[in-house]
Amino acid sequence: MDMWISTLMLLADDAAPAAQAPEAPNQILQMLVIMLPLAAVWYFLILAPQNKERAARKNTLENLKKNDPVVTIGGILGTVVNLSEDGAEVTIRVDDNSRLKMRRDAIREVVIKDKPDGK
């Protein structure tokens, strides 16, 4: 048992000088050289497209008006019949006799039908 402890003490003494770290500014600089390009790539591949898509969706929902054909997040096709006064709720007509009242953010997209040019 005594031999194990003395061996460990010798190994610990030998490892101490090698464990000294290089200068801290070099480590920070090396870390920045790696992290800044990764952050830039992450921003341009993830955040920028998400922000653009979020802004487009917000614009679409704010410009929602009566008689717009829409698709809900559940896949239901309908036409906007009524918007609440505060704008939080929408009533859509699904069929001649059926209407659904839902939150505005449950609308996934406004269906835009291409108008024939006649050409």
C-alpha atoms as a PDB file:
ATOM      1  CA  MET A   1       0.000   0.000   0.000  1.00  0.00           C
ATOM      2  CA  ASP A   2       2.853   2.311   0.872  1.00  0.00           C
ATOM      3  CA  MET A   3       4.378   1.735  -2.520  1.00  0.00           C
ATOM      4  CA  TRP A   4       1.199   2.816  -4.330  1.00  0.00           C
ATOM      5  CA  ILE A   5       1.020   6.067  -2.439  1.00  0.00           C
ATOM      6  CA  SER A   6       4.663   6.895  -3.071  1.00  0.00           C
ATOM      7  CA  THR A   7       4.258   6.065  -6.775  1.00  0.00           C
ATOM      8  CA  LEU A   8       1.258   8.358  -7.024  1.00  0.00           C
ATOM      9  CA  MET A   9       3.153  11.123  -5.249  1.00  0.00           C
ATOM     10  CA  LEU A  10       6.014  10.798  -7.729  1.00  0.00           C
ATOM     11  CA  LEU A  11       3.663  10.899 -10.692  1.00  0.00           C
ATOM     12  CA  ALA A  12       1.884  13.939  -9.278  1.00  0.00           C
ATOM     13  CA  ASP A  13       5.177  15.745  -8.772  1.00  0.00           C
ATOM     14  CA  ASP A  14       6.275  15.031 -12.334  1.00  0.00           C
ATOM     15  CA  ALA A  15       2.982  16.214 -13.856  1.00  0.00           C
ATOM     16  CA  ALA A  16       2.898  19.541 -12.051  1.00  0.00           C
ATOM     17  CA  PRO A  17       5.383  21.464 -14.259  1.00  0.00           C
ATOM     18  CA  ALA A  18       3.795  20.153 -17.463  1.00  0.00           C
ATOM     19  CA  ALA A  19       0.342  21.290 -16.345  1.00  0.00           C
ATOM     20  CA  GLN A  20       1.228  24.960 -16.488  1.00  0.00           C
ATOM     21  CA  ALA A  21      -1.018  26.688 -18.970  1.00  0.00           C
ATOM     22  CA  PRO A  22       0.253  28.939 -21.753  1.00  0.00           C
ATOM     23  CA  GLU A  23      -0.555  32.607 -21.530  1.00  0.00           C
ATOM     24  CA  ALA A  24      -4.233  33.389 -21.122  1.00  0.00           C
ATOM     25  CA  PRO A  25      -4.425  35.983 -23.939  1.00  0.00           C
ATOM     26  CA  ASN A  26      -3.279  33.331 -26.431  1.00  0.00           C
ATOM     27  CA  GLN A  27      -6.021  30.972 -25.286  1.00  0.00           C
ATOM     28  CA  ILE A  28      -8.668  33.679 -25.576  1.00  0.00           C
ATOM     29  CA  LEU A  29      -7.445  34.644 -29.028  1.00  0.00           C
ATOM     30  CA  GLN A  30      -7.491  31.031 -30.183  1.00  0.00           C
ATOM     31  CA  MET A  31     -10.994  30.589 -28.817  1.00  0.00           C
ATOM     32  CA  LEU A  32     -12.202  33.750 -30.588  1.00  0.00           C
ATOM     33  CA  VAL A  33     -10.646  32.641 -33.877  1.00  0.00           C
ATOM     34  CA  ILE A  34     -12.755  29.494 -33.684  1.00  0.00           C
ATOM     35  CA  MET A  35     -15.956  30.881 -32.184  1.00  0.00           C
ATOM     36  CA  LEU A  36     -16.475  34.042 -34.255  1.00  0.00           C
ATOM     37  CA  PRO A  37     -16.728  32.274 -37.632  1.00  0.00           C
ATOM     38  CA  LEU A  38     -19.005  29.643 -36.070  1.00  0.00           C
ATOM     39  CA  ALA A  39     -21.242  32.373 -34.675  1.00  0.00           C
ATOM     40  CA  ALA A  40     -21.363  34.111 -38.067  1.00  0.00           C
ATOM     41  CA  VAL A  41     -22.272  30.888 -39.877  1.00  0.00           C
ATOM     42  CA  TRP A  42     -24.929  30.117 -37.260  1.00  0.00           C
ATOM     43  CA  TYR A  43     -26.442  33.579 -37.680  1.00  0.00           C
ATOM     44  CA  PHE A  44     -26.571  33.487 -41.478  1.00  0.00           C
ATOM     45  CA  LEU A  45     -27.781  29.884 -41.735  1.00  0.00           C
ATOM     46  CA  ILE A  46     -30.208  29.776 -38.808  1.00  0.00           C
ATOM     47  CA  LEU A  47     -31.247  33.135 -37.350  1.00  0.00           C
ATOM     48  CA  ALA A  48     -31.514  35.341 -40.426  1.00  0.00           C
ATOM     49  CA  PRO A  49     -33.835  32.980 -42.379  1.00  0.00           C
ATOM     50  CA  GLN A  50     -35.969  32.394 -39.265  1.00  0.00           C
ATOM     51  CA  ASN A  51     -36.372  36.116 -38.672  1.00  0.00           C
ATOM     52  CA  LYS A  52     -37.266  36.675 -42.322  1.00  0.00           C
ATOM     53  CA  GLU A  53     -39.862  33.884 -42.256  1.00  0.00           C
ATOM     54  CA  ARG A  54     -41.302  35.136 -38.946  1.00  0.00           C
ATOM     55  CA  ALA A  55     -41.660  38.675 -40.350  1.00  0.00           C
ATOM     56  CA  ALA A  56     -43.371  37.370 -43.508  1.00  0.00           C
ATOM     57  CA  ARG A  57     -45.828  35.295 -41.444  1.00  0.00           C
ATOM     58  CA  LYS A  58     -46.591  38.250 -39.176  1.00  0.00           C
ATOM     59  CA  ASN A  59     -47.204  40.447 -42.219  1.00  0.00           C
ATOM     60  CA  THR A  60     -49.509  37.840 -43.757  1.00  0.00           C
ATOM     61  CA  LEU A  61     -51.573  37.497 -40.577  1.00  0.00           C
ATOM     62  CA  GLU A  62     -51.815  41.263 -40.086  1.00  0.00           C
ATOM     63  CA  ASN A  63     -53.083  41.732 -43.659  1.00  0.00           C
ATOM     64  CA  LEU A  64     -55.720  39.015 -43.330  1.00  0.00           C
ATOM     65  CA  LYS A  65     -59.103  40.271 -44.495  1.00  0.00           C
ATOM     66  CA  LYS A  66     -62.603  39.073 -45.248  1.00  0.00           C
ATOM     67  CA  ASN A  67     -63.017  36.628 -48.176  1.00  0.00           C
ATOM     68  CA  ASP A  68     -59.365  35.514 -48.122  1.00  0.00           C
ATOM     69  CA  PRO A  69     -59.024  31.783 -48.811  1.00  0.00           C
ATOM     70  CA  VAL A  70     -56.880  30.277 -46.039  1.00  0.00           C
ATOM     71  CA  VAL A  71     -55.378  27.008 -44.823  1.00  0.00           C
ATOM     72  CA  THR A  72     -55.242  26.376 -41.077  1.00  0.00           C
ATOM     73  CA  ILE A  73     -52.399  24.666 -39.242  1.00  0.00           C
ATOM     74  CA  GLY A  74     -54.647  21.594 -39.117  1.00  0.00           C
ATOM     75  CA  GLY A  75     -54.968  21.549 -42.904  1.00  0.00           C
ATOM     76  CA  ILE A  76     -58.547  22.842 -43.050  1.00  0.00           C
ATOM     77  CA  LEU A  77     -59.350  24.898 -46.137  1.00  0.00           C
ATOM     78  CA  GLY A  78     -61.786  27.765 -45.726  1.00  0.00           C
ATOM     79  CA  THR A  79     -62.609  31.380 -46.404  1.00  0.00           C
ATOM     80  CA  VAL A  80     -62.396  34.183 -43.854  1.00  0.00           C
ATOM     81  CA  VAL A  81     -65.885  35.401 -42.989  1.00  0.00           C
ATOM     82  CA  ASN A  82     -65.288  37.563 -39.958  1.00  0.00           C
ATOM     83  CA  LEU A  83     -62.443  39.039 -37.892  1.00  0.00           C
ATOM     84  CA  SER A  84     -62.972  39.904 -34.237  1.00  0.00           C
ATOM     85  CA  GLU A  85     -62.692  43.502 -33.093  1.00  0.00           C
ATOM     86  CA  ASP A  86     -59.386  42.924 -31.336  1.00  0.00           C
ATOM     87  CA  GLY A  87     -58.123  40.875 -34.276  1.00  0.00           C
ATOM     88  CA  ALA A  88     -57.257  37.824 -32.189  1.00  0.00           C
ATOM     89  CA  GLU A  89     -60.017  35.572 -33.534  1.00  0.00           C
ATOM     90  CA  VAL A  90     -61.063  34.644 -37.049  1.00  0.00           C
ATOM     91  CA  THR A  91     -64.205  32.933 -38.286  1.00  0.00           C
ATOM     92  CA  ILE A  92     -63.772  30.881 -41.439  1.00  0.00           C
ATOM     93  CA  ARG A  93     -66.422  29.296 -43.627  1.00  0.00           C
ATOM     94  CA  VAL A  94     -65.563  25.707 -44.421  1.00  0.00           C
ATOM     95  CA  ASP A  95     -68.773  24.731 -46.202  1.00  0.00           C
ATOM     96  CA  ASP A  96     -72.100  26.398 -46.925  1.00  0.00           C
ATOM     97  CA  ASN A  97     -73.445  25.654 -43.437  1.00  0.00           C
ATOM     98  CA  SER A  98     -70.313  25.260 -41.339  1.00  0.00           C
ATOM     99  CA  ARG A  99     -68.131  27.913 -39.802  1.00  0.00           C
ATOM    100  CA  LEU A 100     -65.160  27.607 -37.487  1.00  0.00           C
ATOM    101  CA  LYS A 101     -64.014  30.206 -35.014  1.00  0.00           C
ATOM    102  CA  MET A 102     -60.291  30.074 -34.229  1.00  0.00           C
ATOM    103  CA  ARG A 103     -57.334  32.165 -33.195  1.00  0.00           C
ATOM    104  CA  ARG A 104     -55.673  34.227 -35.913  1.00  0.00           C
ATOM    105  CA  ASP A 105     -52.330  32.487 -35.364  1.00  0.00           C
ATOM    106  CA  ALA A 106     -53.973  29.158 -36.288  1.00  0.00           C
ATOM    107  CA  ILE A 107     -53.960  30.298 -39.917  1.00  0.00           C
ATOM    108  CA  ARG A 108     -50.967  28.760 -41.663  1.00  0.00           C
ATOM    109  CA  GLU A 109     -51.213  30.555 -44.986  1.00  0.00           C
ATOM    110  CA  VAL A 110     -53.403  32.593 -47.262  1.00  0.00           C
ATOM    111  CA  VAL A 111     -54.023  30.715 -50.499  1.00  0.00           C
ATOM    112  CA  ILE A 112     -53.156  32.827 -53.506  1.00  0.00           C
ATOM    113  CA  LYS A 113     -54.696  31.545 -56.703  1.00  0.00           C
ATOM    114  CA  ASP A 114     -52.934  32.560 -59.873  1.00  0.00           C
ATOM    115  CA  LYS A 115     -55.201  34.556 -62.137  1.00  0.00           C
ATOM    116  CA  PRO A 116     -55.194  33.327 -65.719  1.00  0.00           C
ATOM    117  CA  ASP A 117     -53.597  35.844 -68.053  1.00  0.00           C
ATOM    118  CA  GLY A 118     -55.616  34.728 -71.002  1.00  0.00           C
ATOM    119  CA  LYS A 119     -52.482  34.122 -73.077  1.00  0.00           C
END
